[in-house]
Amino acid sequence: MSDKTQPKQPSHLAYQVSEGKEGQSFFNRVGAAFPHKDEKGYNLKLDAIPVDGNVTIRENTPRAERDNEGHER
């Protein structure tokens, strides 16, 4: 990234994923990841820490695109 400041939008979102009935997965957002200036790492900001310790990181895509794919809501 050529910009000297941290991006305002995260490049990735952090989720706690729980399994529901009939194999459905429920994505609960728990944080976000911001890329380092040198693009070799991320700063992870968590608003919550899942009890089981598992965090899933996904690319931050526009909501309409996610809904069309049937992923996180």
PDB file of N, CA and C in Angstrom:
ATOM      1  N   MET A   1       0.844  -1.178   0.000  1.00  0.00           N
ATOM      2  CA  MET A   1       0.000   0.000   0.000  1.00  0.00           C
ATOM      3  C   MET A   1       0.881   1.229   0.000  1.00  0.00           C
ATOM      4  N   SER A   2       0.571   2.142  -0.853  1.00  0.00           N
ATOM      5  CA  SER A   2       1.385   3.334  -0.930  1.00  0.00           C
ATOM      6  C   SER A   2       0.953   4.385   0.092  1.00  0.00           C
ATOM      7  N   ASP A   3      -0.248   4.297   0.591  1.00  0.00           N
ATOM      8  CA  ASP A   3      -0.756   5.246   1.575  1.00  0.00           C
ATOM      9  C   ASP A   3      -0.018   5.059   2.905  1.00  0.00           C
ATOM     10  N   LYS A   4       0.264   6.175   3.598  1.00  0.00           N
ATOM     11  CA  LYS A   4       1.015   6.129   4.861  1.00  0.00           C
ATOM     12  C   LYS A   4       0.138   5.817   6.070  1.00  0.00           C
ATOM     13  N   THR A   5      -1.175   5.838   5.917  1.00  0.00           N
ATOM     14  CA  THR A   5      -2.065   5.593   7.041  1.00  0.00           C
ATOM     15  C   THR A   5      -2.718   4.217   6.917  1.00  0.00           C
ATOM     16  N   GLN A   6      -3.176   3.709   8.049  1.00  0.00           N
ATOM     17  CA  GLN A   6      -3.887   2.425   8.045  1.00  0.00           C
ATOM     18  C   GLN A   6      -5.219   2.616   7.328  1.00  0.00           C
ATOM     19  N   PRO A   7      -5.633   1.655   6.503  1.00  0.00           N
ATOM     20  CA  PRO A   7      -6.914   1.796   5.804  1.00  0.00           C
ATOM     21  C   PRO A   7      -8.071   1.891   6.788  1.00  0.00           C
ATOM     22  N   LYS A   8      -9.113   2.628   6.389  1.00  0.00           N
ATOM     23  CA  LYS A   8     -10.271   2.783   7.268  1.00  0.00           C
ATOM     24  C   LYS A   8     -11.159   1.547   7.235  1.00  0.00           C
ATOM     25  N   GLN A   9     -11.159   0.838   6.124  1.00  0.00           N
ATOM     26  CA  GLN A   9     -11.946  -0.380   6.003  1.00  0.00           C
ATOM     27  C   GLN A   9     -11.039  -1.593   6.168  1.00  0.00           C
ATOM     28  N   PRO A  10     -11.467  -2.582   6.932  1.00  0.00           N
ATOM     29  CA  PRO A  10     -10.642  -3.784   7.091  1.00  0.00           C
ATOM     30  C   PRO A  10     -10.644  -4.602   5.795  1.00  0.00           C
ATOM     31  N   SER A  11      -9.541  -5.285   5.534  1.00  0.00           N
ATOM     32  CA  SER A  11      -9.478  -6.142   4.349  1.00  0.00           C
ATOM     33  C   SER A  11     -10.128  -7.493   4.606  1.00  0.00           C
ATOM     34  N   HIS A  12     -10.203  -7.889   5.887  1.00  0.00           N
ATOM     35  CA  HIS A  12     -10.787  -9.166   6.276  1.00  0.00           C
ATOM     36  C   HIS A  12     -11.649  -8.973   7.526  1.00  0.00           C
ATOM     37  N   LEU A  13     -12.627  -9.853   7.695  1.00  0.00           N
ATOM     38  CA  LEU A  13     -13.466  -9.837   8.886  1.00  0.00           C
ATOM     39  C   LEU A  13     -13.269 -11.132   9.659  1.00  0.00           C
ATOM     40  N   ALA A  14     -13.388 -11.058  10.974  1.00  0.00           N
ATOM     41  CA  ALA A  14     -13.203 -12.218  11.847  1.00  0.00           C
ATOM     42  C   ALA A  14     -14.571 -12.688  12.348  1.00  0.00           C
ATOM     43  N   TYR A  15     -14.778 -13.992  12.307  1.00  0.00           N
ATOM     44  CA  TYR A  15     -16.050 -14.583  12.712  1.00  0.00           C
ATOM     45  C   TYR A  15     -15.839 -15.753  13.662  1.00  0.00           C
ATOM     46  N   GLN A  16     -16.830 -15.982  14.507  1.00  0.00           N
ATOM     47  CA  GLN A  16     -16.954 -17.211  15.278  1.00  0.00           C
ATOM     48  C   GLN A  16     -18.053 -17.969  14.553  1.00  0.00           C
ATOM     49  N   VAL A  17     -17.763 -19.183  14.112  1.00  0.00           N
ATOM     50  CA  VAL A  17     -18.724 -19.963  13.335  1.00  0.00           C
ATOM     51  C   VAL A  17     -19.294 -21.061  14.212  1.00  0.00           C
ATOM     52  N   SER A  18     -20.621 -21.128  14.270  1.00  0.00           N
ATOM     53  CA  SER A  18     -21.276 -22.193  15.029  1.00  0.00           C
ATOM     54  C   SER A  18     -22.141 -23.009  14.081  1.00  0.00           C
ATOM     55  N   GLU A  19     -22.247 -24.282  14.395  1.00  0.00           N
ATOM     56  CA  GLU A  19     -23.035 -25.193  13.573  1.00  0.00           C
ATOM     57  C   GLU A  19     -24.457 -25.269  14.110  1.00  0.00           C
ATOM     58  N   GLY A  20     -25.404 -25.174  13.191  1.00  0.00           N
ATOM     59  CA  GLY A  20     -26.801 -25.255  13.569  1.00  0.00           C
ATOM     60  C   GLY A  20     -27.411 -26.567  13.120  1.00  0.00           C
ATOM     61  N   LYS A  21     -28.708 -26.613  13.118  1.00  0.00           N
ATOM     62  CA  LYS A  21     -29.423 -27.807  12.674  1.00  0.00           C
ATOM     63  C   LYS A  21     -29.190 -28.036  11.191  1.00  0.00           C
ATOM     64  N   GLU A  22     -29.205 -29.278  10.802  1.00  0.00           N
ATOM     65  CA  GLU A  22     -29.086 -29.681   9.397  1.00  0.00           C
ATOM     66  C   GLU A  22     -27.806 -29.171   8.742  1.00  0.00           C
ATOM     67  N   GLY A  23     -26.732 -29.031   9.515  1.00  0.00           N
ATOM     68  CA  GLY A  23     -25.438 -28.655   8.950  1.00  0.00           C
ATOM     69  C   GLY A  23     -25.278 -27.197   8.568  1.00  0.00           C
ATOM     70  N   GLN A  24     -26.205 -26.347   8.952  1.00  0.00           N
ATOM     71  CA  GLN A  24     -26.087 -24.922   8.649  1.00  0.00           C
ATOM     72  C   GLN A  24     -25.006 -24.301   9.515  1.00  0.00           C
ATOM     73  N   SER A  25     -24.260 -23.359   8.941  1.00  0.00           N
ATOM     74  CA  SER A  25     -23.241 -22.625   9.690  1.00  0.00           C
ATOM     75  C   SER A  25     -23.732 -21.206   9.934  1.00  0.00           C
ATOM     76  N   PHE A  26     -23.511 -20.722  11.145  1.00  0.00           N
ATOM     77  CA  PHE A  26     -23.882 -19.355  11.497  1.00  0.00           C
ATOM     78  C   PHE A  26     -22.612 -18.567  11.788  1.00  0.00           C
ATOM     79  N   PHE A  27     -22.424 -17.468  11.058  1.00  0.00           N
ATOM     80  CA  PHE A  27     -21.245 -16.623  11.196  1.00  0.00           C
ATOM     81  C   PHE A  27     -21.574 -15.445  12.103  1.00  0.00           C
ATOM     82  N   ASN A  28     -20.902 -15.349  13.233  1.00  0.00           N
ATOM     83  CA  ASN A  28     -21.078 -14.240  14.168  1.00  0.00           C
ATOM     84  C   ASN A  28     -19.805 -13.389  14.118  1.00  0.00           C
ATOM     85  N   ARG A  29     -19.923 -12.152  13.671  1.00  0.00           N
ATOM     86  CA  ARG A  29     -18.751 -11.290  13.523  1.00  0.00           C
ATOM     87  C   ARG A  29     -18.174 -10.933  14.888  1.00  0.00           C
ATOM     88  N   VAL A  30     -16.866 -11.134  15.038  1.00  0.00           N
ATOM     89  CA  VAL A  30     -16.203 -10.836  16.309  1.00  0.00           C
ATOM     90  C   VAL A  30     -15.046  -9.858  16.151  1.00  0.00           C
ATOM     91  N   GLY A  31     -14.737  -9.441  14.920  1.00  0.00           N
ATOM     92  CA  GLY A  31     -13.624  -8.513  14.749  1.00  0.00           C
ATOM     93  C   GLY A  31     -13.290  -8.273  13.289  1.00  0.00           C
ATOM     94  N   ALA A  32     -12.113  -7.647  13.082  1.00  0.00           N
ATOM     95  CA  ALA A  32     -11.669  -7.282  11.743  1.00  0.00           C
ATOM     96  C   ALA A  32     -10.150  -7.287  11.676  1.00  0.00           C
ATOM     97  N   ALA A  33      -9.619  -7.441  10.459  1.00  0.00           N
ATOM     98  CA  ALA A  33      -8.171  -7.440  10.237  1.00  0.00           C
ATOM     99  C   ALA A  33      -7.809  -6.321   9.269  1.00  0.00           C
ATOM    100  N   PHE A  34      -6.774  -5.573   9.620  1.00  0.00           N
ATOM    101  CA  PHE A  34      -6.289  -4.460   8.804  1.00  0.00           C
ATOM    102  C   PHE A  34      -4.872  -4.787   8.344  1.00  0.00           C
ATOM    103  N   PRO A  35      -4.583  -4.671   7.034  1.00  0.00           N
ATOM    104  CA  PRO A  35      -3.251  -5.025   6.544  1.00  0.00           C
ATOM    105  C   PRO A  35      -2.188  -4.028   6.989  1.00  0.00           C
ATOM    106  N   HIS A  36      -0.970  -4.551   7.206  1.00  0.00           N
ATOM    107  CA  HIS A  36       0.175  -3.683   7.498  1.00  0.00           C
ATOM    108  C   HIS A  36       0.555  -2.910   6.245  1.00  0.00           C
ATOM    109  N   LYS A  37       1.240  -1.809   6.421  1.00  0.00           N
ATOM    110  CA  LYS A  37       1.680  -0.986   5.289  1.00  0.00           C
ATOM    111  C   LYS A  37       2.519  -1.785   4.308  1.00  0.00           C
ATOM    112  N   ASP A  38       3.367  -2.698   4.832  1.00  0.00           N
ATOM    113  CA  ASP A  38       4.241  -3.475   3.951  1.00  0.00           C
ATOM    114  C   ASP A  38       3.535  -4.697   3.361  1.00  0.00           C
ATOM    115  N   GLU A  39       2.245  -4.883   3.679  1.00  0.00           N
ATOM    116  CA  GLU A  39       1.401  -5.964   3.167  1.00  0.00           C
ATOM    117  C   GLU A  39       1.913  -7.353   3.534  1.00  0.00           C
ATOM    118  N   LYS A  40       2.694  -7.463   4.623  1.00  0.00           N
ATOM    119  CA  LYS A  40       3.231  -8.756   5.048  1.00  0.00           C
ATOM    120  C   LYS A  40       2.579  -9.272   6.324  1.00  0.00           C
ATOM    121  N   GLY A  41       1.575  -8.585   6.815  1.00  0.00           N
ATOM    122  CA  GLY A  41       0.902  -9.002   8.034  1.00  0.00           C
ATOM    123  C   GLY A  41      -0.363  -8.197   8.242  1.00  0.00           C
ATOM    124  N   TYR A  42      -1.032  -8.465   9.364  1.00  0.00           N
ATOM    125  CA  TYR A  42      -2.305  -7.809   9.683  1.00  0.00           C
ATOM    126  C   TYR A  42      -2.352  -7.420  11.152  1.00  0.00           C
ATOM    127  N   ASN A  43      -3.096  -6.368  11.447  1.00  0.00           N
ATOM    128  CA  ASN A  43      -3.469  -6.043  12.822  1.00  0.00           C
ATOM    129  C   ASN A  43      -4.883  -6.585  12.993  1.00  0.00           C
ATOM    130  N   LEU A  44      -5.069  -7.419  14.009  1.00  0.00           N
ATOM    131  CA  LEU A  44      -6.363  -8.027  14.267  1.00  0.00           C
ATOM    132  C   LEU A  44      -7.019  -7.324  15.441  1.00  0.00           C
ATOM    133  N   LYS A  45      -8.214  -6.786  15.224  1.00  0.00           N
ATOM    134  CA  LYS A  45      -8.987  -6.107  16.269  1.00  0.00           C
ATOM    135  C   LYS A  45     -10.177  -6.990  16.589  1.00  0.00           C
ATOM    136  N   LEU A  46     -10.185  -7.548  17.801  1.00  0.00           N
ATOM    137  CA  LEU A  46     -11.285  -8.405  18.218  1.00  0.00           C
ATOM    138  C   LEU A  46     -12.186  -7.671  19.200  1.00  0.00           C
ATOM    139  N   ASP A  47     -13.497  -7.728  18.941  1.00  0.00           N
ATOM    140  CA  ASP A  47     -14.486  -7.155  19.848  1.00  0.00           C
ATOM    141  C   ASP A  47     -14.954  -8.211  20.850  1.00  0.00           C
ATOM    142  N   ALA A  48     -14.723  -9.469  20.511  1.00  0.00           N
ATOM    143  CA  ALA A  48     -15.082 -10.596  21.383  1.00  0.00           C
ATOM    144  C   ALA A  48     -14.130 -11.742  21.067  1.00  0.00           C
ATOM    145  N   ILE A  49     -13.954 -12.627  22.036  1.00  0.00           N
ATOM    146  CA  ILE A  49     -13.122 -13.809  21.833  1.00  0.00           C
ATOM    147  C   ILE A  49     -14.000 -15.030  22.052  1.00  0.00           C
ATOM    148  N   PRO A  50     -14.156 -15.866  21.023  1.00  0.00           N
ATOM    149  CA  PRO A  50     -14.999 -17.048  21.166  1.00  0.00           C
ATOM    150  C   PRO A  50     -14.497 -17.968  22.286  1.00  0.00           C
ATOM    151  N   VAL A  51     -15.412 -18.555  23.008  1.00  0.00           N
ATOM    152  CA  VAL A  51     -15.080 -19.437  24.121  1.00  0.00           C
ATOM    153  C   VAL A  51     -14.231 -20.619  23.644  1.00  0.00           C
ATOM    154  N   ASP A  52     -14.536 -21.136  22.452  1.00  0.00           N
ATOM    155  CA  ASP A  52     -13.783 -22.288  21.947  1.00  0.00           C
ATOM    156  C   ASP A  52     -12.434 -21.891  21.348  1.00  0.00           C
ATOM    157  N   GLY A  53     -12.165 -20.584  21.234  1.00  0.00           N
ATOM    158  CA  GLY A  53     -10.885 -20.107  20.736  1.00  0.00           C
ATOM    159  C   GLY A  53     -10.738 -20.133  19.233  1.00  0.00           C
ATOM    160  N   ASN A  54     -11.754 -20.571  18.508  1.00  0.00           N
ATOM    161  CA  ASN A  54     -11.674 -20.642  17.050  1.00  0.00           C
ATOM    162  C   ASN A  54     -12.195 -19.362  16.411  1.00  0.00           C
ATOM    163  N   VAL A  55     -11.367 -18.774  15.556  1.00  0.00           N
ATOM    164  CA  VAL A  55     -11.738 -17.564  14.825  1.00  0.00           C
ATOM    165  C   VAL A  55     -11.532 -17.853  13.344  1.00  0.00           C
ATOM    166  N   THR A  56     -12.536 -17.548  12.524  1.00  0.00           N
ATOM    167  CA  THR A  56     -12.460 -17.708  11.080  1.00  0.00           C
ATOM    168  C   THR A  56     -12.273 -16.333  10.457  1.00  0.00           C
ATOM    169  N   ILE A  57     -11.275 -16.209   9.579  1.00  0.00           N
ATOM    170  CA  ILE A  57     -10.997 -14.945   8.910  1.00  0.00           C
ATOM    171  C   ILE A  57     -11.439 -15.069   7.452  1.00  0.00           C
ATOM    172  N   ARG A  58     -12.259 -14.120   6.996  1.00  0.00           N
ATOM    173  CA  ARG A  58     -12.743 -14.112   5.616  1.00  0.00           C
ATOM    174  C   ARG A  58     -12.483 -12.754   4.990  1.00  0.00           C
ATOM    175  N   GLU A  59     -12.293 -12.729   3.661  1.00  0.00           N
ATOM    176  CA  GLU A  59     -12.142 -11.462   2.949  1.00  0.00           C
ATOM    177  C   GLU A  59     -13.367 -10.592   3.192  1.00  0.00           C
ATOM    178  N   ASN A  60     -13.145  -9.299   3.308  1.00  0.00           N
ATOM    179  CA  ASN A  60     -14.238  -8.350   3.482  1.00  0.00           C
ATOM    180  C   ASN A  60     -14.799  -8.023   2.106  1.00  0.00           C
ATOM    181  N   THR A  61     -15.924  -8.647   1.773  1.00  0.00           N
ATOM    182  CA  THR A  61     -16.566  -8.418   0.486  1.00  0.00           C
ATOM    183  C   THR A  61     -17.850  -7.623   0.700  1.00  0.00           C
ATOM    184  N   PRO A  62     -18.317  -6.913  -0.327  1.00  0.00           N
ATOM    185  CA  PRO A  62     -19.566  -6.151  -0.182  1.00  0.00           C
ATOM    186  C   PRO A  62     -20.719  -7.064   0.225  1.00  0.00           C
ATOM    187  N   ARG A  63     -21.605  -6.547   1.057  1.00  0.00           N
ATOM    188  CA  ARG A  63     -22.711  -7.342   1.610  1.00  0.00           C
ATOM    189  C   ARG A  63     -23.554  -7.992   0.508  1.00  0.00           C
ATOM    190  N   ALA A  64     -23.864  -7.271  -0.547  1.00  0.00           N
ATOM    191  CA  ALA A  64     -24.691  -7.827  -1.622  1.00  0.00           C
ATOM    192  C   ALA A  64     -24.008  -9.038  -2.250  1.00  0.00           C
ATOM    193  N   GLU A  65     -22.703  -8.972  -2.408  1.00  0.00           N
ATOM    194  CA  GLU A  65     -21.949 -10.086  -2.973  1.00  0.00           C
ATOM    195  C   GLU A  65     -21.985 -11.292  -2.034  1.00  0.00           C
ATOM    196  N   ARG A  66     -21.834 -11.073  -0.717  1.00  0.00           N
ATOM    197  CA  ARG A  66     -21.894 -12.165   0.264  1.00  0.00           C
ATOM    198  C   ARG A  66     -23.271 -12.812   0.254  1.00  0.00           C
ATOM    199  N   ASP A  67     -24.319 -11.994   0.221  1.00  0.00           N
ATOM    200  CA  ASP A  67     -25.679 -12.525   0.251  1.00  0.00           C
ATOM    201  C   ASP A  67     -25.964 -13.378  -0.984  1.00  0.00           C
ATOM    202  N   ASN A  68     -25.453 -12.953  -2.142  1.00  0.00           N
ATOM    203  CA  ASN A  68     -25.651 -13.720  -3.370  1.00  0.00           C
ATOM    204  C   ASN A  68     -24.941 -15.064  -3.332  1.00  0.00           C
ATOM    205  N   GLU A  69     -23.833 -15.155  -2.607  1.00  0.00           N
ATOM    206  CA  GLU A  69     -23.083 -16.408  -2.489  1.00  0.00           C
ATOM    207  C   GLU A  69     -23.668 -17.312  -1.416  1.00  0.00           C
ATOM    208  N   GLY A  70     -24.554 -16.780  -0.555  1.00  0.00           N
ATOM    209  CA  GLY A  70     -25.134 -17.565   0.513  1.00  0.00           C
ATOM    210  C   GLY A  70     -24.224 -17.741   1.713  1.00  0.00           C
ATOM    211  N   HIS A  71     -23.226 -16.859   1.870  1.00  0.00           N
ATOM    212  CA  HIS A  71     -22.291 -16.936   3.005  1.00  0.00           C
ATOM    213  C   HIS A  71     -22.762 -16.011   4.115  1.00  0.00           C
ATOM    214  N   GLU A  72     -21.811 -15.596   4.966  1.00  0.00           N
ATOM    215  CA  GLU A  72     -22.110 -14.806   6.167  1.00  0.00           C
ATOM    216  C   GLU A  72     -23.152 -13.729   5.928  1.00  0.00           C
ATOM    217  N   ARG A  73     -23.941 -13.501   6.939  1.00  0.00           N
ATOM    218  CA  ARG A  73     -24.974 -12.454   6.869  1.00  0.00           C
ATOM    219  C   ARG A  73     -24.875 -11.581   8.073  1.00  0.00           C
TER     220      ARG A  73
END
